[in-house]
Protein backbone atom coordinates (compact mmCIF):
# COMPACT_ATOMS: atom_id res chain seq x y z
CA UNK A 1 0.69 4.44 -70.95
CA UNK A 2 1.43 1.11 -74.20
CA UNK A 3 0.70 -2.41 -72.49
CA UNK A 4 2.65 -3.57 -75.16
CA UNK A 5 2.72 -7.27 -73.77
CA UNK A 6 1.75 -10.66 -76.47
CA UNK A 7 1.34 -12.71 -73.76
CA UNK A 8 -1.33 -13.53 -70.78
CA UNK A 9 0.56 -11.52 -67.83
CA UNK A 10 -1.54 -9.08 -69.84
CA UNK A 11 -4.10 -10.42 -68.44
CA UNK A 12 -2.98 -9.50 -65.12
CA UNK A 13 -1.60 -6.09 -66.09
CA UNK A 14 -4.22 -5.02 -67.17
CA UNK A 15 -6.26 -6.24 -63.75
CA UNK A 16 -3.39 -3.27 -62.17
CA UNK A 17 -4.84 -0.41 -64.64
CA UNK A 18 -8.78 -1.54 -62.05
CA UNK A 19 -6.42 -0.19 -58.70
CA UNK A 20 -6.83 3.05 -57.21
CA UNK A 21 -2.82 3.84 -57.27
CA UNK A 22 -3.01 2.86 -61.75
CA UNK A 23 -4.49 6.67 -62.15
CA UNK A 24 -1.31 8.58 -61.02
CA UNK A 25 1.17 6.12 -62.05
CA UNK A 26 0.14 6.29 -65.94
CA UNK A 27 -0.69 10.07 -65.82
CA UNK A 28 2.82 10.46 -64.27
CA UNK A 29 4.50 8.09 -66.36
CA UNK A 30 3.14 9.22 -69.44
CA UNK A 31 3.38 13.28 -68.54
CA UNK A 32 7.46 12.22 -67.68
CA UNK A 33 7.46 10.65 -71.52
CA UNK A 34 6.46 13.63 -72.69
CA UNK A 35 7.94 16.69 -71.27
CA UNK A 36 11.06 14.75 -70.22
CA UNK A 37 14.07 12.12 -71.20
CA UNK A 38 12.18 8.83 -69.65
CA UNK A 39 13.80 5.63 -70.09
CA UNK A 40 13.24 2.86 -71.39
CA UNK A 41 11.42 3.72 -74.39
CA UNK A 42 7.88 4.09 -73.91
CA UNK A 43 7.22 0.65 -76.06
CA UNK A 44 9.40 -1.01 -73.67
CA UNK A 45 8.46 -0.73 -70.56
CA UNK A 46 6.46 -4.03 -70.24
CA UNK A 47 8.64 -5.64 -72.08
CA UNK A 48 10.36 -8.42 -69.68
CA UNK A 49 6.76 -10.14 -69.65
CA UNK A 50 7.05 -10.69 -73.49
CA UNK A 51 8.53 -13.80 -73.89
CA UNK A 52 7.15 -16.47 -71.91
CA UNK A 53 4.01 -17.38 -70.30
CA UNK A 54 3.02 -16.47 -66.05
CA UNK A 55 3.42 -21.20 -66.22
CA UNK A 56 6.57 -20.84 -67.62
CA UNK A 57 7.60 -18.15 -64.77
CA UNK A 58 11.01 -20.37 -63.12
CA UNK A 59 13.72 -17.54 -62.47
CA UNK A 60 12.61 -13.86 -61.09
CA UNK A 61 16.25 -11.35 -61.01
CA UNK A 62 14.89 -8.38 -59.49
CA UNK A 63 16.63 -5.01 -60.16
CA UNK A 64 16.81 -1.65 -59.04
CA UNK A 65 15.12 0.77 -62.03
CA UNK A 66 16.25 1.07 -65.62
CA UNK A 67 19.94 2.50 -66.72
CA UNK A 68 19.52 5.99 -66.49
CA UNK A 69 22.60 6.18 -69.35
CA UNK A 70 20.93 6.94 -73.02
CA UNK A 71 20.70 4.22 -75.45
CA UNK A 72 21.56 1.67 -72.55
CA UNK A 73 17.96 -0.02 -70.86
CA UNK A 74 15.91 -1.94 -73.04
CA UNK A 75 13.07 -2.76 -70.76
CA UNK A 76 14.95 -6.27 -69.73
CA UNK A 77 16.78 -5.29 -65.68
CA UNK A 78 20.52 -5.37 -65.74
CA UNK A 79 20.56 -5.94 -70.68
CA UNK A 80 21.64 -3.61 -73.21
CA UNK A 81 21.01 -4.57 -76.51
CA UNK A 82 25.27 -3.50 -77.70
CA UNK A 83 28.33 -6.07 -76.95
CA UNK A 84 30.74 -3.71 -76.00
CA UNK A 85 30.81 -0.56 -73.27
CA UNK A 86 28.48 -2.97 -70.85
CA UNK A 87 27.39 -1.31 -67.55
CA UNK A 88 29.58 -1.69 -64.86
CA UNK A 89 26.55 -3.72 -62.80
CA UNK A 90 26.57 -6.26 -66.12
CA UNK A 91 30.53 -6.25 -66.56
CA UNK A 92 29.70 -7.60 -62.68
CA UNK A 93 27.30 -9.79 -63.38
CA UNK A 94 29.35 -11.33 -66.32
CA UNK A 95 32.22 -12.02 -64.26
CA UNK A 96 30.53 -13.85 -61.55
CA UNK A 97 28.65 -15.58 -64.05
CA UNK A 98 32.00 -16.61 -65.35
CA UNK A 99 33.63 -17.38 -61.59
CA UNK A 100 30.34 -19.60 -60.87
CA UNK A 101 30.11 -21.34 -64.38
CA UNK A 102 32.80 -20.47 -66.27
CA UNK A 103 30.61 -18.98 -68.91
CA UNK A 104 32.21 -16.95 -70.85
CA UNK A 105 29.63 -14.16 -71.90
CA UNK A 106 29.84 -10.71 -73.49
CA UNK A 107 25.97 -10.77 -74.91
CA UNK A 108 24.96 -7.53 -73.18
CA UNK A 109 21.54 -8.45 -74.22
CA UNK A 110 19.37 -11.01 -72.34
CA UNK A 111 16.45 -11.58 -73.96
CA UNK A 112 17.60 -15.41 -74.21
CA UNK A 113 17.07 -15.85 -70.47
CA UNK A 114 14.02 -13.84 -71.05
CA UNK A 115 13.41 -16.53 -73.11
CA UNK A 116 13.84 -19.67 -70.98
CA UNK A 117 11.28 -18.05 -68.29
CA UNK A 118 13.54 -15.41 -67.00
CA UNK A 119 11.18 -12.36 -65.31
CA UNK A 120 13.86 -10.15 -65.58
CA UNK A 121 11.81 -7.35 -63.52
CA UNK A 122 12.98 -4.17 -61.78
CA UNK A 123 11.69 -2.65 -59.01
CA UNK A 124 10.82 0.49 -60.79
CA UNK A 125 9.73 0.12 -64.83
CA UNK A 126 10.80 3.32 -66.23
CA UNK A 127 13.26 6.30 -64.98
CA UNK A 128 14.12 10.08 -65.67
CA UNK A 129 16.04 12.14 -64.31
CA UNK A 130 13.35 14.96 -63.97
CA UNK A 131 11.00 12.41 -61.15
CA UNK A 132 13.00 10.66 -58.33
CA UNK A 133 9.25 9.58 -57.41
CA UNK A 134 9.72 6.70 -59.93
CA UNK A 135 10.24 4.17 -57.26
CA UNK A 136 7.83 4.42 -54.77
CA UNK A 137 5.42 5.19 -57.76
CA UNK A 138 6.23 1.52 -59.36
CA UNK A 139 5.57 0.01 -56.18
CA UNK A 140 2.74 -0.80 -56.06
CA UNK A 141 3.13 -2.67 -59.62
CA UNK A 142 6.00 -4.25 -58.51
CA UNK A 143 4.28 -5.13 -54.97
CA UNK A 144 1.03 -7.36 -56.95
CA UNK A 145 3.40 -9.03 -59.62
CA UNK A 146 5.56 -10.83 -57.31
CA UNK A 147 2.70 -11.38 -54.59
CA UNK A 148 0.96 -12.79 -57.60
CA UNK A 149 3.54 -14.76 -58.97
CA UNK A 150 3.71 -16.24 -55.48
CA UNK A 151 1.09 -17.05 -55.11
CA UNK A 152 -0.15 -18.56 -58.57
CA UNK A 153 2.92 -20.21 -59.60
CA UNK A 154 5.24 -23.13 -57.04
CA UNK A 155 8.76 -23.37 -57.55
CA UNK A 156 9.63 -20.07 -58.64
CA UNK A 157 13.39 -18.93 -57.80
CA UNK A 158 13.26 -15.45 -56.51
CA UNK A 159 17.13 -13.96 -57.20
CA UNK A 160 17.32 -10.81 -55.18
CA UNK A 161 19.84 -8.49 -55.62
CA UNK A 162 20.86 -4.95 -53.91
CA UNK A 163 18.65 -3.59 -51.17
CA UNK A 164 15.98 -2.43 -53.08
CA UNK A 165 15.25 -6.14 -54.05
CA UNK A 166 15.63 -7.40 -51.23
CA UNK A 167 12.53 -4.80 -49.47
CA UNK A 168 10.48 -6.65 -51.23
CA UNK A 169 11.25 -10.53 -50.34
CA UNK A 170 8.49 -10.94 -47.21
CA UNK A 171 5.58 -10.44 -50.06
CA UNK A 172 7.64 -14.52 -50.72
CA UNK A 173 6.31 -16.24 -49.14
CA UNK A 174 4.56 -20.10 -50.56
CA UNK A 175 8.20 -19.42 -53.07
CA UNK A 176 10.99 -18.39 -49.35
CA UNK A 177 12.42 -21.40 -49.61
CA UNK A 178 13.55 -20.69 -52.95
CA UNK A 179 14.71 -17.48 -52.43
CA UNK A 180 18.88 -15.88 -53.37
CA UNK A 181 19.87 -12.45 -52.32
CA UNK A 182 23.24 -10.30 -52.69
CA UNK A 183 24.96 -7.36 -52.77
CA UNK A 184 23.33 -5.46 -56.12
CA UNK A 185 26.78 -5.84 -58.58
CA UNK A 186 27.13 -2.08 -58.67
CA UNK A 187 31.38 -1.73 -57.70
CA UNK A 188 29.73 -0.23 -53.51
CA UNK A 189 31.45 -3.69 -51.46
CA UNK A 190 31.71 -5.65 -54.81
CA UNK A 191 33.47 -7.98 -53.13
CA UNK A 192 32.21 -8.50 -49.58
CA UNK A 193 28.56 -8.92 -51.26
CA UNK A 194 28.25 -9.77 -54.57
CA UNK A 195 31.60 -11.35 -56.01
CA UNK A 196 31.79 -15.60 -54.79
CA UNK A 197 27.85 -15.49 -54.15
CA UNK A 198 26.93 -18.12 -57.32
CA UNK A 199 23.77 -16.70 -57.73
CA UNK A 200 23.63 -19.47 -60.66
CA UNK A 201 24.98 -22.29 -59.58
CA UNK A 202 22.44 -21.72 -57.21
CA UNK A 203 19.80 -21.46 -58.56
CA UNK A 204 19.82 -23.95 -61.57
CA UNK A 205 20.54 -26.63 -58.24
CA UNK A 206 16.88 -25.19 -56.95
CA UNK A 207 15.15 -25.76 -60.66
CA UNK A 208 16.48 -29.45 -60.75
CA UNK A 209 15.36 -30.22 -57.09
CA UNK A 210 11.85 -28.59 -57.97
CA UNK A 211 11.94 -31.25 -61.71
CA UNK A 212 12.58 -27.83 -63.20
CA UNK A 213 14.96 -27.35 -66.66
CA UNK A 214 18.23 -24.97 -65.05
CA UNK A 215 18.74 -22.09 -67.25
CA UNK A 216 21.05 -22.15 -69.99
CA UNK A 217 23.03 -18.98 -68.99
């Protein structure tokens, strides 16, 4: 796998290559890109780590896996490069943003969030319709990243959307007071489990309490 990371996150990812799970993960991911359609583009697998150094991490938004529709996944959880025909999950996120903070947003590319220290991390960094094992294959990597953040950075807000994301809550110990969780921003039970949960204002309030600059959502 290409680790195209220009921040000091690259050191953390390179350390993962020394662990037993990595050989199997890398072999299967590389083979999948050669033999089938995989999202995002291979050079964007680790893109979410490219916008800030480790110490500047403020928020971790944990998703599930990359969008399965051609042209949607861009390496940042929930983000797309276009500003039209947004995926349903992103439409719902923007609806909640408007309800929560009265911010009307149509720009689907969430790089501006990432540049402010928001790690838009999927629990699986690749998706392929021909390989249903990516969730389990990527799990050790995701677990290690979350543990690293929790053990090395104080005052990080973790936003867990959906049951897959909540499976990683047990890893968050030092920052356990700063966890915001809800249902996934998909259509299933959206009104009951995601809408009106106010994740954006809650995140900013926590950051202010931590004497950290709020996110301009």
